[in-house]
PDB file of all heavy atoms in Angstrom:
ATOM      1  N   ALA A   1       0.193  -4.177  -9.729  1.00  0.00           N
ATOM      2  CA  ALA A   1      -1.046  -3.561 -10.206  1.00  0.00           C
ATOM      3  C   ALA A   1      -1.207  -3.757 -11.710  1.00  0.00           C
ATOM      4  O   ALA A   1      -2.314  -4.008 -12.209  1.00  0.00           O
ATOM      5  CB  ALA A   1      -1.055  -2.073  -9.864  1.00  0.00           C
ATOM      6  N   ALA A   2      -0.101  -3.663 -12.435  1.00  0.00           N
ATOM      7  CA  ALA A   2      -0.161  -3.820 -13.894  1.00  0.00           C
ATOM      8  C   ALA A   2      -0.600  -5.219 -14.288  1.00  0.00           C
ATOM      9  O   ALA A   2      -1.313  -5.405 -15.287  1.00  0.00           O
ATOM     10  CB  ALA A   2       1.212  -3.503 -14.494  1.00  0.00           C
ATOM     11  N   GLU A   3      -0.198  -6.219 -13.498  1.00  0.00           N
ATOM     12  CA  GLU A   3      -0.586  -7.597 -13.809  1.00  0.00           C
ATOM     13  C   GLU A   3      -1.916  -7.996 -13.187  1.00  0.00           C
ATOM     14  O   GLU A   3      -2.582  -8.907 -13.663  1.00  0.00           O
ATOM     15  CB  GLU A   3       0.506  -8.561 -13.326  1.00  0.00           C
ATOM     16  CG  GLU A   3       1.778  -8.514 -14.136  1.00  0.00           C
ATOM     17  CD  GLU A   3       2.678  -9.704 -13.845  1.00  0.00           C
ATOM     18  OE1 GLU A   3       2.149 -10.837 -13.750  1.00  0.00           O
ATOM     19  OE2 GLU A   3       3.897  -9.515 -13.710  1.00  0.00           O
ATOM     20  N   GLY A   4      -2.290  -7.315 -12.117  1.00  0.00           N
ATOM     21  CA  GLY A   4      -3.478  -7.744 -11.373  1.00  0.00           C
ATOM     22  C   GLY A   4      -4.794  -7.247 -11.906  1.00  0.00           C
ATOM     23  O   GLY A   4      -5.850  -7.789 -11.561  1.00  0.00           O
ATOM     24  N   GLY A   5      -4.758  -6.232 -12.755  1.00  0.00           N
ATOM     25  CA  GLY A   5      -5.996  -5.623 -13.219  1.00  0.00           C
ATOM     26  C   GLY A   5      -6.982  -6.593 -13.839  1.00  0.00           C
ATOM     27  O   GLY A   5      -8.188  -6.555 -13.557  1.00  0.00           O
ATOM     28  N   GLU A   6      -6.483  -7.500 -14.685  1.00  0.00           N
ATOM     29  CA  GLU A   6      -7.398  -8.420 -15.378  1.00  0.00           C
ATOM     30  C   GLU A   6      -8.070  -9.390 -14.417  1.00  0.00           C
ATOM     31  O   GLU A   6      -9.089 -10.006 -14.752  1.00  0.00           O
ATOM     32  CB  GLU A   6      -6.643  -9.199 -16.457  1.00  0.00           C
ATOM     33  CG  GLU A   6      -5.566 -10.130 -15.934  1.00  0.00           C
ATOM     34  CD  GLU A   6      -4.867 -10.888 -17.060  1.00  0.00           C
ATOM     35  OE1 GLU A   6      -5.528 -11.728 -17.709  1.00  0.00           O
ATOM     36  OE2 GLU A   6      -3.671 -10.611 -17.294  1.00  0.00           O
ATOM     37  N   PHE A   7      -7.532  -9.517 -13.204  1.00  0.00           N
ATOM     38  CA  PHE A   7      -8.118 -10.407 -12.197  1.00  0.00           C
ATOM     39  C   PHE A   7      -8.898  -9.639 -11.129  1.00  0.00           C
ATOM     40  O   PHE A   7      -9.340 -10.217 -10.140  1.00  0.00           O
ATOM     41  CB  PHE A   7      -7.022 -11.238 -11.522  1.00  0.00           C
ATOM     42  CG  PHE A   7      -6.152 -11.986 -12.489  1.00  0.00           C
ATOM     43  CD1 PHE A   7      -4.840 -11.602 -12.700  1.00  0.00           C
ATOM     44  CD2 PHE A   7      -6.655 -13.065 -13.222  1.00  0.00           C
ATOM     45  CE1 PHE A   7      -4.031 -12.279 -13.600  1.00  0.00           C
ATOM     46  CE2 PHE A   7      -5.857 -13.742 -14.121  1.00  0.00           C
ATOM     47  CZ  PHE A   7      -4.541 -13.352 -14.316  1.00  0.00           C
ATOM     48  N   GLY A   8      -9.035  -8.332 -11.352  1.00  0.00           N
ATOM     49  CA  GLY A   8      -9.746  -7.517 -10.378  1.00  0.00           C
ATOM     50  C   GLY A   8      -8.948  -7.271  -9.117  1.00  0.00           C
ATOM     51  O   GLY A   8      -9.510  -6.929  -8.070  1.00  0.00           O
ATOM     52  N   ILE A   9      -7.624  -7.417  -9.214  1.00  0.00           N
ATOM     53  CA  ILE A   9      -6.749  -7.210  -8.049  1.00  0.00           C
ATOM     54  C   ILE A   9      -6.147  -5.810  -8.136  1.00  0.00           C
ATOM     55  O   ILE A   9      -5.424  -5.496  -9.080  1.00  0.00           O
ATOM     56  CB  ILE A   9      -5.634  -8.270  -7.999  1.00  0.00           C
ATOM     57  CG1 ILE A   9      -6.232  -9.670  -7.895  1.00  0.00           C
ATOM     58  CG2 ILE A   9      -4.700  -7.998  -6.814  1.00  0.00           C
ATOM     59  CD1 ILE A   9      -5.216 -10.796  -8.054  1.00  0.00           C
ATOM     60  N   ARG A  10      -6.467  -4.979  -7.172  1.00  0.00           N
ATOM     61  CA  ARG A  10      -5.954  -3.609  -7.123  1.00  0.00           C
ATOM     62  C   ARG A  10      -4.780  -3.530  -6.149  1.00  0.00           C
ATOM     63  O   ARG A  10      -4.794  -4.183  -5.109  1.00  0.00           O
ATOM     64  CB  ARG A  10      -7.049  -2.630  -6.687  1.00  0.00           C
ATOM     65  CG  ARG A  10      -8.257  -2.623  -7.600  1.00  0.00           C
ATOM     66  CD  ARG A  10      -9.263  -1.552  -7.209  1.00  0.00           C
ATOM     67  NE  ARG A  10      -9.843  -1.771  -5.892  1.00  0.00           N
ATOM     68  CZ  ARG A  10      -9.590  -1.034  -4.823  1.00  0.00           C
ATOM     69  NH1 ARG A  10      -8.735  -0.016  -4.895  1.00  0.00           N
ATOM     70  NH2 ARG A  10     -10.157  -1.299  -3.660  1.00  0.00           N
ATOM     71  N   VAL A  11      -3.786  -2.724  -6.485  1.00  0.00           N
ATOM     72  CA  VAL A  11      -2.605  -2.581  -5.620  1.00  0.00           C
ATOM     73  C   VAL A  11      -2.257  -1.101  -5.520  1.00  0.00           C
ATOM     74  O   VAL A  11      -2.005  -0.449  -6.527  1.00  0.00           O
ATOM     75  CB  VAL A  11      -1.396  -3.368  -6.165  1.00  0.00           C
ATOM     76  CG1 VAL A  11      -0.295  -3.423  -5.112  1.00  0.00           C
ATOM     77  CG2 VAL A  11      -1.792  -4.770  -6.598  1.00  0.00           C
ATOM     78  N   ASN A  12      -2.286  -0.583  -4.308  1.00  0.00           N
ATOM     79  CA  ASN A  12      -1.998   0.829  -4.086  1.00  0.00           C
ATOM     80  C   ASN A  12      -1.024   0.982  -2.913  1.00  0.00           C
ATOM     81  O   ASN A  12      -0.853   0.059  -2.108  1.00  0.00           O
ATOM     82  CB  ASN A  12      -3.292   1.597  -3.809  1.00  0.00           C
ATOM     83  CG  ASN A  12      -4.208   1.622  -5.026  1.00  0.00           C
ATOM     84  OD1 ASN A  12      -3.934   2.296  -6.002  1.00  0.00           O
ATOM     85  ND2 ASN A  12      -5.291   0.856  -4.963  1.00  0.00           N
ATOM     86  N   THR A  13      -0.408   2.144  -2.825  1.00  0.00           N
ATOM     87  CA  THR A  13       0.649   2.371  -1.845  1.00  0.00           C
ATOM     88  C   THR A  13       0.386   3.643  -1.051  1.00  0.00           C
ATOM     89  O   THR A  13      -0.054   4.657  -1.607  1.00  0.00           O
ATOM     90  CB  THR A  13       2.011   2.495  -2.554  1.00  0.00           C
ATOM     91  OG1 THR A  13       2.223   1.333  -3.364  1.00  0.00           O
ATOM     92  CG2 THR A  13       3.144   2.618  -1.556  1.00  0.00           C
ATOM     93  N   ILE A  14       0.672   3.587   0.242  1.00  0.00           N
ATOM     94  CA  ILE A  14       0.594   4.763   1.103  1.00  0.00           C
ATOM     95  C   ILE A  14       2.007   5.165   1.500  1.00  0.00           C
ATOM     96  O   ILE A  14       2.836   4.317   1.868  1.00  0.00           O
ATOM     97  CB  ILE A  14      -0.266   4.476   2.350  1.00  0.00           C
ATOM     98  CG1 ILE A  14      -1.726   4.255   1.929  1.00  0.00           C
ATOM     99  CG2 ILE A  14      -0.163   5.604   3.364  1.00  0.00           C
ATOM    100  CD1 ILE A  14      -2.637   3.846   3.053  1.00  0.00           C
ATOM    101  N   LEU A  15       2.270   6.464   1.436  1.00  0.00           N
ATOM    102  CA  LEU A  15       3.587   6.993   1.779  1.00  0.00           C
ATOM    103  C   LEU A  15       3.454   7.860   3.035  1.00  0.00           C
ATOM    104  O   LEU A  15       3.167   9.056   2.943  1.00  0.00           O
ATOM    105  CB  LEU A  15       4.146   7.834   0.623  1.00  0.00           C
ATOM    106  CG  LEU A  15       4.131   7.210  -0.784  1.00  0.00           C
ATOM    107  CD1 LEU A  15       4.737   8.175  -1.785  1.00  0.00           C
ATOM    108  CD2 LEU A  15       4.878   5.881  -0.795  1.00  0.00           C
ATOM    109  N   PRO A  16       3.656   7.275   4.204  1.00  0.00           N
ATOM    110  CA  PRO A  16       3.578   8.076   5.430  1.00  0.00           C
ATOM    111  C   PRO A  16       4.910   8.763   5.719  1.00  0.00           C
ATOM    112  O   PRO A  16       5.950   8.389   5.188  1.00  0.00           O
ATOM    113  CB  PRO A  16       3.284   7.040   6.525  1.00  0.00           C
ATOM    114  CG  PRO A  16       3.194   5.701   5.835  1.00  0.00           C
ATOM    115  CD  PRO A  16       3.860   5.855   4.507  1.00  0.00           C
ATOM    116  N   ASP A  17       4.817   9.748   6.609  1.00  0.00           N
ATOM    117  CA  ASP A  17       6.043  10.266   7.212  1.00  0.00           C
ATOM    118  C   ASP A  17       6.159   9.629   8.594  1.00  0.00           C
ATOM    119  O   ASP A  17       5.373   8.748   8.950  1.00  0.00           O
ATOM    120  CB  ASP A  17       5.995  11.790   7.309  1.00  0.00           C
ATOM    121  CG  ASP A  17       7.369  12.392   7.617  1.00  0.00           C
ATOM    122  OD1 ASP A  17       8.368  11.650   7.541  1.00  0.00           O
ATOM    123  OD2 ASP A  17       7.433  13.589   7.937  1.00  0.00           O
ATOM    124  N   ALA A  18       7.117  10.069   9.355  1.00  0.00           N
ATOM    125  CA  ALA A  18       7.438   9.456  10.645  1.00  0.00           C
ATOM    126  C   ALA A  18       6.208   9.306  11.545  1.00  0.00           C
ATOM    127  O   ALA A  18       5.505  10.278  11.808  1.00  0.00           O
ATOM    128  CB  ALA A  18       8.487  10.310  11.347  1.00  0.00           C
ATOM    129  N   ILE A  19       5.964   8.071  11.993  1.00  0.00           N
ATOM    130  CA  ILE A  19       4.875   7.780  12.925  1.00  0.00           C
ATOM    131  C   ILE A  19       5.502   7.170  14.162  1.00  0.00           C
ATOM    132  O   ILE A  19       5.906   6.004  14.168  1.00  0.00           O
ATOM    133  CB  ILE A  19       3.851   6.825  12.286  1.00  0.00           C
ATOM    134  CG1 ILE A  19       3.256   7.485  11.038  1.00  0.00           C
ATOM    135  CG2 ILE A  19       2.752   6.464  13.281  1.00  0.00           C
ATOM    136  CD1 ILE A  19       2.406   6.571  10.222  1.00  0.00           C
ATOM    137  N   LEU A  20       5.607   7.966  15.195  1.00  0.00           N
ATOM    138  CA  LEU A  20       6.329   7.540  16.379  1.00  0.00           C
ATOM    139  C   LEU A  20       5.469   6.747  17.352  1.00  0.00           C
ATOM    140  O   LEU A  20       5.972   5.956  18.141  1.00  0.00           O
ATOM    141  CB  LEU A  20       6.923   8.761  17.103  1.00  0.00           C
ATOM    142  CG  LEU A  20       8.242   9.324  16.529  1.00  0.00           C
ATOM    143  CD1 LEU A  20       8.055   9.892  15.142  1.00  0.00           C
ATOM    144  CD2 LEU A  20       8.809  10.392  17.463  1.00  0.00           C
ATOM    145  N   GLN A  21       4.135   6.971  17.323  1.00  0.00           N
ATOM    146  CA  GLN A  21       3.258   6.350  18.308  1.00  0.00           C
ATOM    147  C   GLN A  21       3.055   4.861  18.034  1.00  0.00           C
ATOM    148  O   GLN A  21       2.718   4.465  16.918  1.00  0.00           O
ATOM    149  CB  GLN A  21       1.887   7.052  18.328  1.00  0.00           C
ATOM    150  CG  GLN A  21       1.940   8.502  18.779  1.00  0.00           C
ATOM    151  CD  GLN A  21       2.510   9.422  17.708  1.00  0.00           C
ATOM    152  OE1 GLN A  21       2.532   9.081  16.527  1.00  0.00           O
ATOM    153  NE2 GLN A  21       2.987  10.583  18.128  1.00  0.00           N
ATOM    154  N   GLY A  22       3.247   4.047  19.049  1.00  0.00           N
ATOM    155  CA  GLY A  22       2.972   2.611  18.950  1.00  0.00           C
ATOM    156  C   GLY A  22       3.907   1.856  18.047  1.00  0.00           C
ATOM    157  O   GLY A  22       3.610   0.743  17.620  1.00  0.00           O
ATOM    158  N   SER A  23       5.048   2.430  17.716  1.00  0.00           N
ATOM    159  CA  SER A  23       5.946   1.811  16.744  1.00  0.00           C
ATOM    160  C   SER A  23       7.158   1.193  17.430  1.00  0.00           C
ATOM    161  O   SER A  23       7.898   1.881  18.152  1.00  0.00           O
ATOM    162  CB  SER A  23       6.416   2.853  15.724  1.00  0.00           C
ATOM    163  OG  SER A  23       7.449   2.331  14.926  1.00  0.00           O
ATOM    164  N   ALA A  24       7.373  -0.096  17.170  1.00  0.00           N
ATOM    165  CA  ALA A  24       8.566  -0.758  17.704  1.00  0.00           C
ATOM    166  C   ALA A  24       9.822  -0.198  17.055  1.00  0.00           C
ATOM    167  O   ALA A  24      10.893  -0.136  17.678  1.00  0.00           O
ATOM    168  CB  ALA A  24       8.470  -2.266  17.466  1.00  0.00           C
TER     169      ALA A  24
END
């Protein structure tokens, strides 16, 4: 994200907890 800003590239993160459904 720090390097991508000047190129209009956004980088974000999602922090989930345990997701049991449909997960291998």
